[in-house]
Amino acid sequence: MSENIVRLMEENLLAVFNERDPQRRLTVVRRNYAPDVRWSDPEETVIGQDRLHERAQELLDGPLSGLTFTQSGPVYQTANLGLLAFDVVPLDRAAGTGAGSSEPLISGYDVAIVENDVIAQLFTVITTVPG
């Protein structure tokens, strides 16, 4: 098992898409993704580190405002492919201070193709959505 793929997948979720500070996020983006990284989610495909960074900020400021990602299982991998499942919950529930349903608002998984020790392609698959 590649520890690098585990690190990349976990940092993708927690240090990029969960990071509210743009400068800290950009530092991780520069380290962990290929310059021409291609990321596809259900809404669009973006290409390049800068666009991935901008799209993450758009999501955090918009539909993910007040929400946080939690890792919902281990990183699975084969060859140069990693997969990590996630849940999205309200920030107060993740911190253990909120009341409410134990069901996540959104669930899914990220799949990454790693080349030259960085993420070259990333795919986000949503399996559960609100409503």
N, C-alpha and C. Protein backbone atom coordinates (compact mmCIF):
# COMPACT_ATOMS: atom_id res chain seq x y z
N MET A 1 0.85 -1.18 0.00
CA MET A 1 0.00 0.00 0.00
C MET A 1 0.89 1.24 0.00
N SER A 2 0.56 2.19 -0.84
CA SER A 2 1.34 3.42 -0.94
C SER A 2 0.87 4.44 0.10
N GLU A 3 1.77 4.80 0.99
CA GLU A 3 1.46 5.83 1.99
C GLU A 3 1.23 7.18 1.31
N ASN A 4 1.88 7.39 0.16
CA ASN A 4 1.69 8.65 -0.56
C ASN A 4 0.25 8.78 -1.05
N ILE A 5 -0.32 7.71 -1.57
CA ILE A 5 -1.71 7.77 -2.04
C ILE A 5 -2.65 8.01 -0.87
N VAL A 6 -2.40 7.37 0.26
CA VAL A 6 -3.23 7.60 1.45
C VAL A 6 -3.15 9.08 1.85
N ARG A 7 -1.95 9.62 1.90
CA ARG A 7 -1.77 11.03 2.28
C ARG A 7 -2.47 11.95 1.28
N LEU A 8 -2.27 11.69 -0.01
CA LEU A 8 -2.90 12.53 -1.03
C LEU A 8 -4.42 12.52 -0.92
N MET A 9 -5.00 11.36 -0.72
CA MET A 9 -6.46 11.26 -0.65
C MET A 9 -7.00 11.95 0.60
N GLU A 10 -6.34 11.74 1.72
CA GLU A 10 -6.80 12.37 2.96
C GLU A 10 -6.61 13.88 2.92
N GLU A 11 -5.49 14.35 2.39
CA GLU A 11 -5.28 15.79 2.29
C GLU A 11 -6.20 16.42 1.26
N ASN A 12 -6.51 15.70 0.20
CA ASN A 12 -7.47 16.20 -0.78
C ASN A 12 -8.78 16.52 -0.08
N LEU A 13 -9.25 15.61 0.74
CA LEU A 13 -10.52 15.81 1.43
C LEU A 13 -10.43 16.87 2.54
N LEU A 14 -9.44 16.72 3.41
CA LEU A 14 -9.42 17.52 4.64
C LEU A 14 -8.61 18.81 4.54
N ALA A 15 -7.53 18.81 3.77
CA ALA A 15 -6.66 19.99 3.71
C ALA A 15 -6.93 20.85 2.47
N VAL A 16 -7.81 20.38 1.58
CA VAL A 16 -8.19 21.18 0.42
C VAL A 16 -9.67 21.52 0.49
N PHE A 17 -10.52 20.51 0.41
CA PHE A 17 -11.95 20.78 0.32
C PHE A 17 -12.61 21.07 1.67
N ASN A 18 -11.87 20.91 2.75
CA ASN A 18 -12.37 21.28 4.07
C ASN A 18 -11.68 22.53 4.59
N GLU A 19 -10.70 23.03 3.87
CA GLU A 19 -9.88 24.16 4.35
C GLU A 19 -10.52 25.49 3.98
N ARG A 20 -10.86 26.27 5.00
CA ARG A 20 -11.49 27.57 4.77
C ARG A 20 -10.47 28.67 4.48
N ASP A 21 -9.22 28.49 4.89
CA ASP A 21 -8.19 29.50 4.66
C ASP A 21 -7.61 29.32 3.25
N PRO A 22 -7.82 30.29 2.35
CA PRO A 22 -7.38 30.14 0.96
C PRO A 22 -5.87 29.94 0.81
N GLN A 23 -5.06 30.61 1.60
CA GLN A 23 -3.61 30.48 1.44
C GLN A 23 -3.12 29.10 1.88
N ARG A 24 -3.65 28.58 2.99
CA ARG A 24 -3.27 27.23 3.41
C ARG A 24 -3.71 26.21 2.37
N ARG A 25 -4.93 26.40 1.83
CA ARG A 25 -5.43 25.48 0.81
C ARG A 25 -4.54 25.52 -0.43
N LEU A 26 -4.18 26.71 -0.88
CA LEU A 26 -3.36 26.84 -2.09
C LEU A 26 -2.00 26.17 -1.91
N THR A 27 -1.42 26.26 -0.73
CA THR A 27 -0.15 25.58 -0.46
C THR A 27 -0.27 24.08 -0.68
N VAL A 28 -1.35 23.49 -0.21
CA VAL A 28 -1.57 22.05 -0.39
C VAL A 28 -1.86 21.74 -1.85
N VAL A 29 -2.63 22.58 -2.51
CA VAL A 29 -2.94 22.37 -3.93
C VAL A 29 -1.64 22.33 -4.73
N ARG A 30 -0.76 23.27 -4.50
CA ARG A 30 0.51 23.32 -5.25
C ARG A 30 1.36 22.08 -5.01
N ARG A 31 1.32 21.54 -3.80
CA ARG A 31 2.14 20.37 -3.45
C ARG A 31 1.54 19.06 -3.95
N ASN A 32 0.20 18.95 -3.96
CA ASN A 32 -0.43 17.64 -4.13
C ASN A 32 -1.04 17.35 -5.49
N TYR A 33 -1.14 18.36 -6.36
CA TYR A 33 -1.79 18.15 -7.65
C TYR A 33 -0.85 18.51 -8.79
N ALA A 34 -1.02 17.84 -9.91
CA ALA A 34 -0.27 18.17 -11.12
C ALA A 34 -0.69 19.58 -11.58
N PRO A 35 0.20 20.31 -12.24
CA PRO A 35 -0.17 21.64 -12.72
C PRO A 35 -1.42 21.64 -13.60
N ASP A 36 -1.60 20.57 -14.38
CA ASP A 36 -2.76 20.47 -15.27
C ASP A 36 -3.79 19.46 -14.75
N VAL A 37 -3.90 19.35 -13.42
CA VAL A 37 -4.86 18.43 -12.82
C VAL A 37 -6.24 18.64 -13.44
N ARG A 38 -6.95 17.55 -13.58
CA ARG A 38 -8.30 17.58 -14.12
C ARG A 38 -9.23 17.03 -13.05
N TRP A 39 -10.20 17.86 -12.59
CA TRP A 39 -11.15 17.44 -11.56
C TRP A 39 -12.56 17.51 -12.11
N SER A 40 -13.26 16.40 -12.00
CA SER A 40 -14.65 16.33 -12.44
C SER A 40 -15.54 16.02 -11.25
N ASP A 41 -16.58 16.86 -11.07
CA ASP A 41 -17.62 16.58 -10.09
C ASP A 41 -18.94 16.56 -10.86
N PRO A 42 -20.07 16.33 -10.19
CA PRO A 42 -21.33 16.22 -10.94
C PRO A 42 -21.72 17.48 -11.71
N GLU A 43 -21.14 18.64 -11.36
CA GLU A 43 -21.54 19.88 -12.00
C GLU A 43 -20.63 20.32 -13.14
N GLU A 44 -19.35 20.03 -13.04
CA GLU A 44 -18.43 20.50 -14.08
C GLU A 44 -17.07 19.82 -13.97
N THR A 45 -16.25 20.05 -14.97
CA THR A 45 -14.86 19.62 -14.97
C THR A 45 -13.99 20.86 -15.04
N VAL A 46 -13.01 20.93 -14.14
CA VAL A 46 -12.07 22.05 -14.16
C VAL A 46 -10.68 21.50 -14.40
N ILE A 47 -9.83 22.33 -14.99
CA ILE A 47 -8.47 21.91 -15.32
C ILE A 47 -7.49 22.92 -14.76
N GLY A 48 -6.48 22.41 -14.07
CA GLY A 48 -5.41 23.24 -13.53
C GLY A 48 -5.55 23.49 -12.04
N GLN A 49 -4.40 23.69 -11.40
CA GLN A 49 -4.37 23.93 -9.96
C GLN A 49 -5.18 25.17 -9.57
N ASP A 50 -5.00 26.27 -10.31
CA ASP A 50 -5.69 27.50 -9.95
C ASP A 50 -7.20 27.34 -10.04
N ARG A 51 -7.66 26.68 -11.07
CA ARG A 51 -9.12 26.51 -11.23
C ARG A 51 -9.68 25.57 -10.17
N LEU A 52 -8.94 24.51 -9.82
CA LEU A 52 -9.37 23.61 -8.76
C LEU A 52 -9.48 24.40 -7.44
N HIS A 53 -8.48 25.22 -7.16
CA HIS A 53 -8.48 26.04 -5.95
C HIS A 53 -9.68 26.99 -5.94
N GLU A 54 -9.94 27.66 -7.07
CA GLU A 54 -11.07 28.58 -7.17
C GLU A 54 -12.40 27.85 -6.98
N ARG A 55 -12.52 26.70 -7.59
CA ARG A 55 -13.77 25.92 -7.50
C ARG A 55 -14.00 25.47 -6.07
N ALA A 56 -12.95 25.05 -5.37
CA ALA A 56 -13.08 24.66 -3.96
C ALA A 56 -13.60 25.84 -3.15
N GLN A 57 -13.07 27.03 -3.41
CA GLN A 57 -13.52 28.23 -2.69
C GLN A 57 -14.98 28.53 -3.00
N GLU A 58 -15.36 28.40 -4.27
CA GLU A 58 -16.75 28.63 -4.66
C GLU A 58 -17.70 27.69 -3.90
N LEU A 59 -17.32 26.44 -3.77
CA LEU A 59 -18.15 25.47 -3.06
C LEU A 59 -18.22 25.79 -1.57
N LEU A 60 -17.06 26.13 -0.98
CA LEU A 60 -17.03 26.44 0.46
C LEU A 60 -17.81 27.71 0.78
N ASP A 61 -17.79 28.68 -0.14
CA ASP A 61 -18.54 29.92 0.08
C ASP A 61 -20.02 29.76 -0.26
N GLY A 62 -20.35 28.77 -1.08
CA GLY A 62 -21.72 28.60 -1.55
C GLY A 62 -22.41 27.41 -0.90
N PRO A 63 -22.61 26.34 -1.66
CA PRO A 63 -23.43 25.23 -1.16
C PRO A 63 -22.84 24.50 0.05
N LEU A 64 -21.55 24.62 0.29
CA LEU A 64 -20.94 23.93 1.44
C LEU A 64 -20.71 24.85 2.63
N SER A 65 -21.20 26.07 2.55
CA SER A 65 -21.07 27.01 3.66
C SER A 65 -21.77 26.42 4.90
N GLY A 66 -21.06 26.40 6.02
CA GLY A 66 -21.62 25.85 7.25
C GLY A 66 -21.58 24.34 7.34
N LEU A 67 -20.96 23.71 6.34
CA LEU A 67 -20.85 22.25 6.30
C LEU A 67 -19.38 21.84 6.32
N THR A 68 -19.14 20.59 6.64
CA THR A 68 -17.77 20.08 6.65
C THR A 68 -17.74 18.64 6.16
N PHE A 69 -16.61 18.25 5.60
CA PHE A 69 -16.40 16.88 5.15
C PHE A 69 -15.85 16.05 6.30
N THR A 70 -16.29 14.81 6.37
CA THR A 70 -15.69 13.84 7.27
C THR A 70 -15.34 12.60 6.46
N GLN A 71 -14.25 12.00 6.79
CA GLN A 71 -13.82 10.77 6.13
C GLN A 71 -14.71 9.65 6.63
N SER A 72 -15.28 8.86 5.74
CA SER A 72 -16.20 7.81 6.17
C SER A 72 -15.67 6.40 5.91
N GLY A 73 -14.37 6.26 5.86
CA GLY A 73 -13.76 4.95 5.68
C GLY A 73 -12.30 5.11 5.34
N PRO A 74 -11.62 4.00 5.17
CA PRO A 74 -10.20 4.07 4.83
C PRO A 74 -9.99 4.43 3.36
N VAL A 75 -8.77 4.74 3.04
CA VAL A 75 -8.38 4.94 1.64
C VAL A 75 -8.18 3.55 1.02
N TYR A 76 -8.84 3.32 -0.09
CA TYR A 76 -8.63 2.09 -0.85
C TYR A 76 -7.78 2.44 -2.05
N GLN A 77 -6.96 1.49 -2.48
CA GLN A 77 -6.11 1.78 -3.62
C GLN A 77 -5.74 0.52 -4.37
N THR A 78 -5.45 0.73 -5.62
CA THR A 78 -4.88 -0.30 -6.47
C THR A 78 -4.02 0.41 -7.50
N ALA A 79 -2.84 -0.11 -7.72
CA ALA A 79 -1.88 0.52 -8.63
C ALA A 79 -1.75 2.00 -8.28
N ASN A 80 -2.07 2.89 -9.21
CA ASN A 80 -1.92 4.33 -8.96
C ASN A 80 -3.28 5.02 -8.77
N LEU A 81 -4.28 4.27 -8.32
CA LEU A 81 -5.62 4.80 -8.13
C LEU A 81 -5.99 4.74 -6.64
N GLY A 82 -6.53 5.85 -6.13
CA GLY A 82 -6.99 5.89 -4.75
C GLY A 82 -8.46 6.23 -4.70
N LEU A 83 -9.15 5.72 -3.67
CA LEU A 83 -10.57 5.98 -3.48
C LEU A 83 -10.81 6.25 -1.99
N LEU A 84 -11.55 7.32 -1.70
CA LEU A 84 -11.86 7.67 -0.32
C LEU A 84 -13.31 8.13 -0.24
N ALA A 85 -14.10 7.49 0.63
CA ALA A 85 -15.49 7.86 0.84
C ALA A 85 -15.57 9.00 1.85
N PHE A 86 -16.60 9.84 1.69
CA PHE A 86 -16.78 10.97 2.60
C PHE A 86 -18.26 11.19 2.88
N ASP A 87 -18.49 11.92 3.97
CA ASP A 87 -19.81 12.42 4.30
C ASP A 87 -19.69 13.92 4.50
N VAL A 88 -20.78 14.63 4.28
CA VAL A 88 -20.84 16.06 4.54
C VAL A 88 -21.89 16.28 5.62
N VAL A 89 -21.48 16.96 6.68
CA VAL A 89 -22.36 17.20 7.83
C VAL A 89 -22.25 18.67 8.24
N PRO A 90 -23.22 19.17 9.00
CA PRO A 90 -23.08 20.53 9.51
C PRO A 90 -21.85 20.66 10.41
N LEU A 91 -21.21 21.82 10.38
CA LEU A 91 -20.01 22.05 11.18
C LEU A 91 -20.22 21.74 12.65
N ASP A 92 -21.36 22.12 13.22
CA ASP A 92 -21.57 21.89 14.64
C ASP A 92 -21.72 20.40 14.97
N ARG A 93 -22.25 19.61 14.05
CA ARG A 93 -22.34 18.16 14.28
C ARG A 93 -20.97 17.52 14.23
N ALA A 94 -20.11 17.99 13.32
CA ALA A 94 -18.77 17.42 13.21
C ALA A 94 -17.98 17.69 14.48
N ALA A 95 -18.25 18.83 15.11
CA ALA A 95 -17.55 19.20 16.34
C ALA A 95 -18.17 18.54 17.56
N GLY A 96 -19.29 17.85 17.38
CA GLY A 96 -19.94 17.17 18.48
C GLY A 96 -20.80 18.06 19.35
N THR A 97 -21.12 19.26 18.86
CA THR A 97 -21.90 20.18 19.68
C THR A 97 -23.35 20.29 19.23
N GLY A 98 -23.67 19.80 18.08
CA GLY A 98 -25.03 19.98 17.56
C GLY A 98 -25.91 18.78 17.79
N ALA A 99 -27.18 19.02 17.75
CA ALA A 99 -28.15 17.93 17.84
C ALA A 99 -28.68 17.65 16.45
N GLY A 100 -29.33 16.54 16.30
CA GLY A 100 -29.96 16.27 15.03
C GLY A 100 -29.68 14.87 14.54
N SER A 101 -30.10 14.62 13.35
CA SER A 101 -29.98 13.31 12.74
C SER A 101 -28.53 12.90 12.59
N SER A 102 -28.31 11.60 12.70
CA SER A 102 -26.96 11.10 12.50
C SER A 102 -26.66 10.86 11.03
N GLU A 103 -27.65 11.04 10.18
CA GLU A 103 -27.45 10.85 8.75
C GLU A 103 -26.70 12.03 8.15
N PRO A 104 -25.72 11.76 7.28
CA PRO A 104 -25.04 12.86 6.60
C PRO A 104 -25.98 13.54 5.61
N LEU A 105 -25.71 14.80 5.33
CA LEU A 105 -26.50 15.53 4.34
C LEU A 105 -26.14 15.09 2.93
N ILE A 106 -24.86 14.83 2.72
CA ILE A 106 -24.34 14.41 1.42
C ILE A 106 -23.32 13.30 1.68
N SER A 107 -23.29 12.31 0.82
CA SER A 107 -22.27 11.27 0.88
C SER A 107 -21.73 11.05 -0.53
N GLY A 108 -20.52 10.55 -0.59
CA GLY A 108 -19.92 10.25 -1.88
C GLY A 108 -18.53 9.71 -1.71
N TYR A 109 -17.78 9.75 -2.79
CA TYR A 109 -16.39 9.33 -2.73
C TYR A 109 -15.58 10.05 -3.80
N ASP A 110 -14.31 10.17 -3.49
CA ASP A 110 -13.35 10.74 -4.44
C ASP A 110 -12.48 9.62 -4.97
N VAL A 111 -12.21 9.68 -6.26
CA VAL A 111 -11.31 8.74 -6.92
C VAL A 111 -10.20 9.57 -7.56
N ALA A 112 -8.96 9.20 -7.32
CA ALA A 112 -7.84 9.95 -7.88
C ALA A 112 -6.90 9.02 -8.61
N ILE A 113 -6.38 9.52 -9.72
CA ILE A 113 -5.30 8.85 -10.44
C ILE A 113 -4.03 9.63 -10.12
N VAL A 114 -3.05 8.93 -9.59
CA VAL A 114 -1.81 9.55 -9.14
C VAL A 114 -0.71 9.23 -10.16
N GLU A 115 -0.05 10.29 -10.61
CA GLU A 115 1.09 10.15 -11.53
C GLU A 115 2.21 11.03 -11.01
N ASN A 116 3.42 10.51 -10.99
CA ASN A 116 4.59 11.25 -10.52
C ASN A 116 4.37 11.81 -9.12
N ASP A 117 3.73 11.00 -8.27
CA ASP A 117 3.52 11.32 -6.85
C ASP A 117 2.58 12.48 -6.59
N VAL A 118 1.77 12.89 -7.57
CA VAL A 118 0.74 13.92 -7.37
C VAL A 118 -0.55 13.46 -8.04
N ILE A 119 -1.65 14.08 -7.65
CA ILE A 119 -2.94 13.76 -8.25
C ILE A 119 -3.01 14.40 -9.64
N ALA A 120 -3.18 13.55 -10.64
CA ALA A 120 -3.28 14.02 -12.02
C ALA A 120 -4.74 14.17 -12.44
N GLN A 121 -5.60 13.27 -11.94
CA GLN A 121 -7.02 13.34 -12.23
C GLN A 121 -7.80 13.03 -10.96
N LEU A 122 -8.88 13.75 -10.77
CA LEU A 122 -9.71 13.57 -9.58
C LEU A 122 -11.17 13.54 -10.02
N PHE A 123 -11.90 12.60 -9.47
CA PHE A 123 -13.33 12.46 -9.77
C PHE A 123 -14.09 12.42 -8.46
N THR A 124 -15.11 13.24 -8.34
CA THR A 124 -15.97 13.22 -7.16
C THR A 124 -17.33 12.65 -7.57
N VAL A 125 -17.74 11.60 -6.89
CA VAL A 125 -19.00 10.93 -7.15
C VAL A 125 -19.89 11.14 -5.93
N ILE A 126 -21.07 11.69 -6.14
CA ILE A 126 -22.03 11.91 -5.06
C ILE A 126 -23.02 10.75 -5.06
N THR A 127 -23.20 10.12 -3.90
CA THR A 127 -24.10 8.97 -3.80
C THR A 127 -25.38 9.29 -3.04
N THR A 128 -25.36 10.30 -2.18
CA THR A 128 -26.52 10.73 -1.42
C THR A 128 -26.58 12.23 -1.41
N VAL A 129 -27.74 12.79 -1.72
CA VAL A 129 -27.91 14.25 -1.71
C VAL A 129 -29.12 14.60 -0.85
N PRO A 130 -29.18 15.84 -0.37
CA PRO A 130 -30.34 16.25 0.44
C PRO A 130 -31.65 16.13 -0.33
N GLY A 131 -32.69 15.79 0.42
CA GLY A 131 -34.03 15.73 -0.17
C GLY A 131 -34.28 14.50 -0.94
